[in-house]
Protein backbone atom coordinates (compact mmCIF):
# COMPACT_ATOMS: atom_id res chain seq x y z
CA UNK A 1 0.00 0.00 0.00
CA UNK A 2 2.81 2.40 0.86
CA UNK A 3 4.42 1.68 -2.51
CA UNK A 4 1.28 2.86 -4.28
CA UNK A 5 1.27 6.07 -2.22
CA UNK A 6 4.94 6.71 -2.97
CA UNK A 7 4.37 6.05 -6.67
CA UNK A 8 1.37 8.37 -6.77
CA UNK A 9 3.23 11.16 -4.97
CA UNK A 10 6.22 10.81 -7.31
CA UNK A 11 4.01 10.80 -10.38
CA UNK A 12 1.97 13.82 -9.32
CA UNK A 13 5.16 15.67 -8.33
CA UNK A 14 6.82 14.92 -11.65
CA UNK A 15 3.69 16.02 -13.55
CA UNK A 16 3.62 19.29 -11.57
CA UNK A 17 7.25 19.97 -12.46
CA UNK A 18 6.47 19.12 -16.10
CA UNK A 19 3.62 21.63 -16.00
CA UNK A 20 6.06 24.23 -14.66
CA UNK A 21 8.45 23.51 -17.53
CA UNK A 22 5.68 23.75 -20.10
CA UNK A 23 4.45 26.95 -18.44
CA UNK A 24 7.81 28.59 -19.02
CA UNK A 25 7.44 27.94 -22.73
CA UNK A 26 3.74 28.69 -23.10
CA UNK A 27 3.10 31.78 -20.98
CA UNK A 28 3.29 35.09 -22.86
CA UNK A 29 5.14 37.32 -20.38
CA UNK A 30 7.56 37.25 -17.48
CA UNK A 31 4.99 37.67 -14.72
CA UNK A 32 2.83 34.75 -15.83
CA UNK A 33 5.90 32.56 -16.32
CA UNK A 34 7.07 33.38 -12.82
CA UNK A 35 3.67 32.63 -11.32
CA UNK A 36 3.27 29.27 -13.04
CA UNK A 37 6.82 28.21 -12.36
CA UNK A 38 6.85 29.00 -8.65
CA UNK A 39 3.49 27.41 -7.91
CA UNK A 40 3.98 24.23 -9.90
CA UNK A 41 7.64 23.73 -8.98
CA UNK A 42 6.93 24.24 -5.27
CA UNK A 43 4.12 21.70 -5.40
CA UNK A 44 6.18 19.24 -7.44
CA UNK A 45 9.28 19.52 -5.30
CA UNK A 46 7.23 19.23 -2.13
CA UNK A 47 5.49 16.08 -3.36
CA UNK A 48 8.77 14.48 -4.40
CA UNK A 49 10.29 15.24 -1.01
CA UNK A 50 7.19 13.89 0.71
CA UNK A 51 7.52 10.67 -1.25
CA UNK A 52 11.16 10.45 -0.11
CA UNK A 53 9.99 10.86 3.49
CA UNK A 54 7.55 7.97 3.03
CA UNK A 55 10.17 5.84 1.29
CA UNK A 56 12.56 6.05 4.27
CA UNK A 57 10.17 5.70 7.25
CA UNK A 58 12.73 4.13 9.60
CA UNK A 59 15.40 6.78 9.10
CA UNK A 60 14.29 9.77 11.13
CA UNK A 61 17.02 12.02 9.75
CA UNK A 62 15.84 11.61 6.15
CA UNK A 63 12.21 12.22 7.07
CA UNK A 64 13.08 15.23 9.23
CA UNK A 65 15.26 16.77 6.55
CA UNK A 66 12.64 16.20 3.86
CA UNK A 67 9.91 17.81 5.96
CA UNK A 68 12.20 20.73 6.86
CA UNK A 69 13.00 21.31 3.20
CA UNK A 70 9.30 21.21 2.33
CA UNK A 71 8.57 23.74 5.08
CA UNK A 72 11.29 26.15 3.95
CA UNK A 73 10.37 25.68 0.28
CA UNK A 74 6.75 26.62 0.98
CA UNK A 75 7.91 29.51 3.15
CA UNK A 76 10.56 31.03 0.88
CA UNK A 77 9.46 30.36 -2.72
CA UNK A 78 6.45 32.74 -2.72
CA UNK A 79 8.44 35.47 -0.99
CA UNK A 80 11.27 35.16 -3.50
CA UNK A 81 8.79 35.20 -6.40
CA UNK A 82 7.13 38.32 -4.99
CA UNK A 83 10.46 40.13 -4.71
CA UNK A 84 11.50 39.10 -8.21
CA UNK A 85 8.15 40.23 -9.65
CA UNK A 86 8.30 43.52 -7.77
CA UNK A 87 11.80 44.20 -9.07
CA UNK A 88 10.69 43.34 -12.60
CA UNK A 89 7.75 45.75 -12.25
CA UNK A 90 9.98 48.52 -10.93
CA UNK A 91 12.42 48.22 -13.82
CA UNK A 92 9.40 48.25 -16.14
CA UNK A 93 9.59 44.76 -17.62
CA UNK A 94 7.12 44.56 -20.48
CA UNK A 95 3.72 43.10 -19.75
CA UNK A 96 1.71 40.97 -22.12
CA UNK A 97 -0.30 43.05 -24.58
CA UNK A 98 -3.44 41.21 -23.45
CA UNK A 99 -3.08 42.42 -19.86
CA UNK A 100 -6.37 44.07 -18.98
CA UNK A 101 -5.77 45.51 -15.53
CA UNK A 102 -2.64 46.82 -13.84
CA UNK A 103 -3.50 47.38 -10.19
CA UNK A 104 -0.15 49.03 -9.42
CA UNK A 105 -0.20 51.59 -12.23
CA UNK A 106 0.35 55.05 -10.77
CA UNK A 107 0.66 53.81 -7.18
CA UNK A 108 4.44 53.50 -6.97
CA UNK A 109 6.63 56.47 -6.18
CA UNK A 110 9.42 56.44 -8.77
CA UNK A 111 11.93 57.97 -6.34
CA UNK A 112 11.45 55.79 -3.24
CA UNK A 113 9.87 52.72 -4.87
CA UNK A 114 7.18 52.62 -2.20
CA UNK A 115 3.43 52.52 -2.53
CA UNK A 116 1.78 55.91 -2.27
C-alpha atoms as a PDB file:
ATOM      1  CA  UNK A   1       0.000   0.000   0.000  1.00  0.00           C
ATOM      2  CA  UNK A   2       2.810   2.402   0.861  1.00  0.00           C
ATOM      3  CA  UNK A   3       4.421   1.679  -2.513  1.00  0.00           C
ATOM      4  CA  UNK A   4       1.277   2.857  -4.280  1.00  0.00           C
ATOM      5  CA  UNK A   5       1.266   6.071  -2.218  1.00  0.00           C
ATOM      6  CA  UNK A   6       4.937   6.714  -2.975  1.00  0.00           C
ATOM      7  CA  UNK A   7       4.367   6.049  -6.667  1.00  0.00           C
ATOM      8  CA  UNK A   8       1.372   8.369  -6.768  1.00  0.00           C
ATOM      9  CA  UNK A   9       3.234  11.164  -4.969  1.00  0.00           C
ATOM     10  CA  UNK A  10       6.224  10.814  -7.306  1.00  0.00           C
ATOM     11  CA  UNK A  11       4.007  10.802 -10.376  1.00  0.00           C
ATOM     12  CA  UNK A  12       1.973  13.821  -9.316  1.00  0.00           C
ATOM     13  CA  UNK A  13       5.158  15.674  -8.326  1.00  0.00           C
ATOM     14  CA  UNK A  14       6.816  14.922 -11.654  1.00  0.00           C
ATOM     15  CA  UNK A  15       3.694  16.024 -13.551  1.00  0.00           C
ATOM     16  CA  UNK A  16       3.620  19.287 -11.568  1.00  0.00           C
ATOM     17  CA  UNK A  17       7.251  19.966 -12.462  1.00  0.00           C
ATOM     18  CA  UNK A  18       6.473  19.119 -16.099  1.00  0.00           C
ATOM     19  CA  UNK A  19       3.621  21.634 -16.004  1.00  0.00           C
ATOM     20  CA  UNK A  20       6.064  24.230 -14.657  1.00  0.00           C
ATOM     21  CA  UNK A  21       8.454  23.510 -17.531  1.00  0.00           C
ATOM     22  CA  UNK A  22       5.677  23.747 -20.103  1.00  0.00           C
ATOM     23  CA  UNK A  23       4.450  26.948 -18.438  1.00  0.00           C
ATOM     24  CA  UNK A  24       7.808  28.591 -19.020  1.00  0.00           C
ATOM     25  CA  UNK A  25       7.441  27.935 -22.726  1.00  0.00           C
ATOM     26  CA  UNK A  26       3.737  28.694 -23.098  1.00  0.00           C
ATOM     27  CA  UNK A  27       3.105  31.783 -20.977  1.00  0.00           C
ATOM     28  CA  UNK A  28       3.294  35.092 -22.855  1.00  0.00           C
ATOM     29  CA  UNK A  29       5.136  37.321 -20.375  1.00  0.00           C
ATOM     30  CA  UNK A  30       7.564  37.255 -17.477  1.00  0.00           C
ATOM     31  CA  UNK A  31       4.987  37.672 -14.725  1.00  0.00           C
ATOM     32  CA  UNK A  32       2.826  34.746 -15.830  1.00  0.00           C
ATOM     33  CA  UNK A  33       5.896  32.557 -16.323  1.00  0.00           C
ATOM     34  CA  UNK A  34       7.068  33.377 -12.824  1.00  0.00           C
ATOM     35  CA  UNK A  35       3.667  32.625 -11.318  1.00  0.00           C
ATOM     36  CA  UNK A  36       3.265  29.265 -13.039  1.00  0.00           C
ATOM     37  CA  UNK A  37       6.819  28.211 -12.358  1.00  0.00           C
ATOM     38  CA  UNK A  38       6.850  29.001  -8.648  1.00  0.00           C
ATOM     39  CA  UNK A  39       3.489  27.411  -7.907  1.00  0.00           C
ATOM     40  CA  UNK A  40       3.984  24.227  -9.897  1.00  0.00           C
ATOM     41  CA  UNK A  41       7.644  23.735  -8.980  1.00  0.00           C
ATOM     42  CA  UNK A  42       6.925  24.236  -5.271  1.00  0.00           C
ATOM     43  CA  UNK A  43       4.124  21.698  -5.403  1.00  0.00           C
ATOM     44  CA  UNK A  44       6.182  19.236  -7.444  1.00  0.00           C
ATOM     45  CA  UNK A  45       9.278  19.522  -5.299  1.00  0.00           C
ATOM     46  CA  UNK A  46       7.234  19.227  -2.134  1.00  0.00           C
ATOM     47  CA  UNK A  47       5.492  16.078  -3.360  1.00  0.00           C
ATOM     48  CA  UNK A  48       8.769  14.479  -4.401  1.00  0.00           C
ATOM     49  CA  UNK A  49      10.291  15.244  -1.006  1.00  0.00           C
ATOM     50  CA  UNK A  50       7.189  13.891   0.705  1.00  0.00           C
ATOM     51  CA  UNK A  51       7.525  10.667  -1.248  1.00  0.00           C
ATOM     52  CA  UNK A  52      11.158  10.449  -0.110  1.00  0.00           C
ATOM     53  CA  UNK A  53       9.995  10.860   3.485  1.00  0.00           C
ATOM     54  CA  UNK A  54       7.554   7.967   3.032  1.00  0.00           C
ATOM     55  CA  UNK A  55      10.170   5.838   1.289  1.00  0.00           C
ATOM     56  CA  UNK A  56      12.558   6.046   4.273  1.00  0.00           C
ATOM     57  CA  UNK A  57      10.173   5.697   7.247  1.00  0.00           C
ATOM     58  CA  UNK A  58      12.729   4.129   9.605  1.00  0.00           C
ATOM     59  CA  UNK A  59      15.395   6.784   9.097  1.00  0.00           C
ATOM     60  CA  UNK A  60      14.287   9.766  11.126  1.00  0.00           C
ATOM     61  CA  UNK A  61      17.023  12.016   9.750  1.00  0.00           C
ATOM     62  CA  UNK A  62      15.837  11.611   6.146  1.00  0.00           C
ATOM     63  CA  UNK A  63      12.209  12.221   7.074  1.00  0.00           C
ATOM     64  CA  UNK A  64      13.075  15.229   9.228  1.00  0.00           C
ATOM     65  CA  UNK A  65      15.265  16.768   6.552  1.00  0.00           C
ATOM     66  CA  UNK A  66      12.636  16.202   3.857  1.00  0.00           C
ATOM     67  CA  UNK A  67       9.910  17.814   5.961  1.00  0.00           C
ATOM     68  CA  UNK A  68      12.204  20.726   6.858  1.00  0.00           C
ATOM     69  CA  UNK A  69      13.005  21.306   3.198  1.00  0.00           C
ATOM     70  CA  UNK A  70       9.298  21.211   2.331  1.00  0.00           C
ATOM     71  CA  UNK A  71       8.569  23.742   5.083  1.00  0.00           C
ATOM     72  CA  UNK A  72      11.289  26.146   3.952  1.00  0.00           C
ATOM     73  CA  UNK A  73      10.368  25.681   0.284  1.00  0.00           C
ATOM     74  CA  UNK A  74       6.751  26.620   0.982  1.00  0.00           C
ATOM     75  CA  UNK A  75       7.910  29.507   3.145  1.00  0.00           C
ATOM     76  CA  UNK A  76      10.557  31.032   0.879  1.00  0.00           C
ATOM     77  CA  UNK A  77       9.457  30.364  -2.715  1.00  0.00           C
ATOM     78  CA  UNK A  78       6.445  32.742  -2.719  1.00  0.00           C
ATOM     79  CA  UNK A  79       8.442  35.474  -0.986  1.00  0.00           C
ATOM     80  CA  UNK A  80      11.269  35.160  -3.504  1.00  0.00           C
ATOM     81  CA  UNK A  81       8.793  35.202  -6.398  1.00  0.00           C
ATOM     82  CA  UNK A  82       7.134  38.318  -4.990  1.00  0.00           C
ATOM     83  CA  UNK A  83      10.456  40.128  -4.711  1.00  0.00           C
ATOM     84  CA  UNK A  84      11.500  39.096  -8.210  1.00  0.00           C
ATOM     85  CA  UNK A  85       8.149  40.226  -9.653  1.00  0.00           C
ATOM     86  CA  UNK A  86       8.304  43.523  -7.772  1.00  0.00           C
ATOM     87  CA  UNK A  87      11.795  44.198  -9.066  1.00  0.00           C
ATOM     88  CA  UNK A  88      10.687  43.343 -12.599  1.00  0.00           C
ATOM     89  CA  UNK A  89       7.754  45.747 -12.246  1.00  0.00           C
ATOM     90  CA  UNK A  90       9.977  48.521 -10.927  1.00  0.00           C
ATOM     91  CA  UNK A  91      12.421  48.220 -13.824  1.00  0.00           C
ATOM     92  CA  UNK A  92       9.397  48.250 -16.142  1.00  0.00           C
ATOM     93  CA  UNK A  93       9.593  44.755 -17.616  1.00  0.00           C
ATOM     94  CA  UNK A  94       7.119  44.562 -20.476  1.00  0.00           C
ATOM     95  CA  UNK A  95       3.720  43.101 -19.748  1.00  0.00           C
ATOM     96  CA  UNK A  96       1.711  40.966 -22.122  1.00  0.00           C
ATOM     97  CA  UNK A  97      -0.299  43.055 -24.582  1.00  0.00           C
ATOM     98  CA  UNK A  98      -3.435  41.207 -23.445  1.00  0.00           C
ATOM     99  CA  UNK A  99      -3.076  42.423 -19.859  1.00  0.00           C
ATOM    100  CA  UNK A 100      -6.371  44.069 -18.984  1.00  0.00           C
ATOM    101  CA  UNK A 101      -5.769  45.508 -15.534  1.00  0.00           C
ATOM    102  CA  UNK A 102      -2.644  46.823 -13.842  1.00  0.00           C
ATOM    103  CA  UNK A 103      -3.500  47.377 -10.189  1.00  0.00           C
ATOM    104  CA  UNK A 104      -0.152  49.033  -9.417  1.00  0.00           C
ATOM    105  CA  UNK A 105      -0.204  51.592 -12.229  1.00  0.00           C
ATOM    106  CA  UNK A 106       0.345  55.053 -10.768  1.00  0.00           C
ATOM    107  CA  UNK A 107       0.658  53.807  -7.180  1.00  0.00           C
ATOM    108  CA  UNK A 108       4.445  53.504  -6.966  1.00  0.00           C
ATOM    109  CA  UNK A 109       6.627  56.471  -6.177  1.00  0.00           C
ATOM    110  CA  UNK A 110       9.421  56.437  -8.772  1.00  0.00           C
ATOM    111  CA  UNK A 111      11.928  57.970  -6.335  1.00  0.00           C
ATOM    112  CA  UNK A 112      11.447  55.794  -3.240  1.00  0.00           C
ATOM    113  CA  UNK A 113       9.870  52.717  -4.866  1.00  0.00           C
ATOM    114  CA  UNK A 114       7.180  52.621  -2.204  1.00  0.00           C
ATOM    115  CA  UNK A 115       3.433  52.516  -2.531  1.00  0.00           C
ATOM    116  CA  UNK A 116       1.778  55.905  -2.265  1.00  0.00           C
END
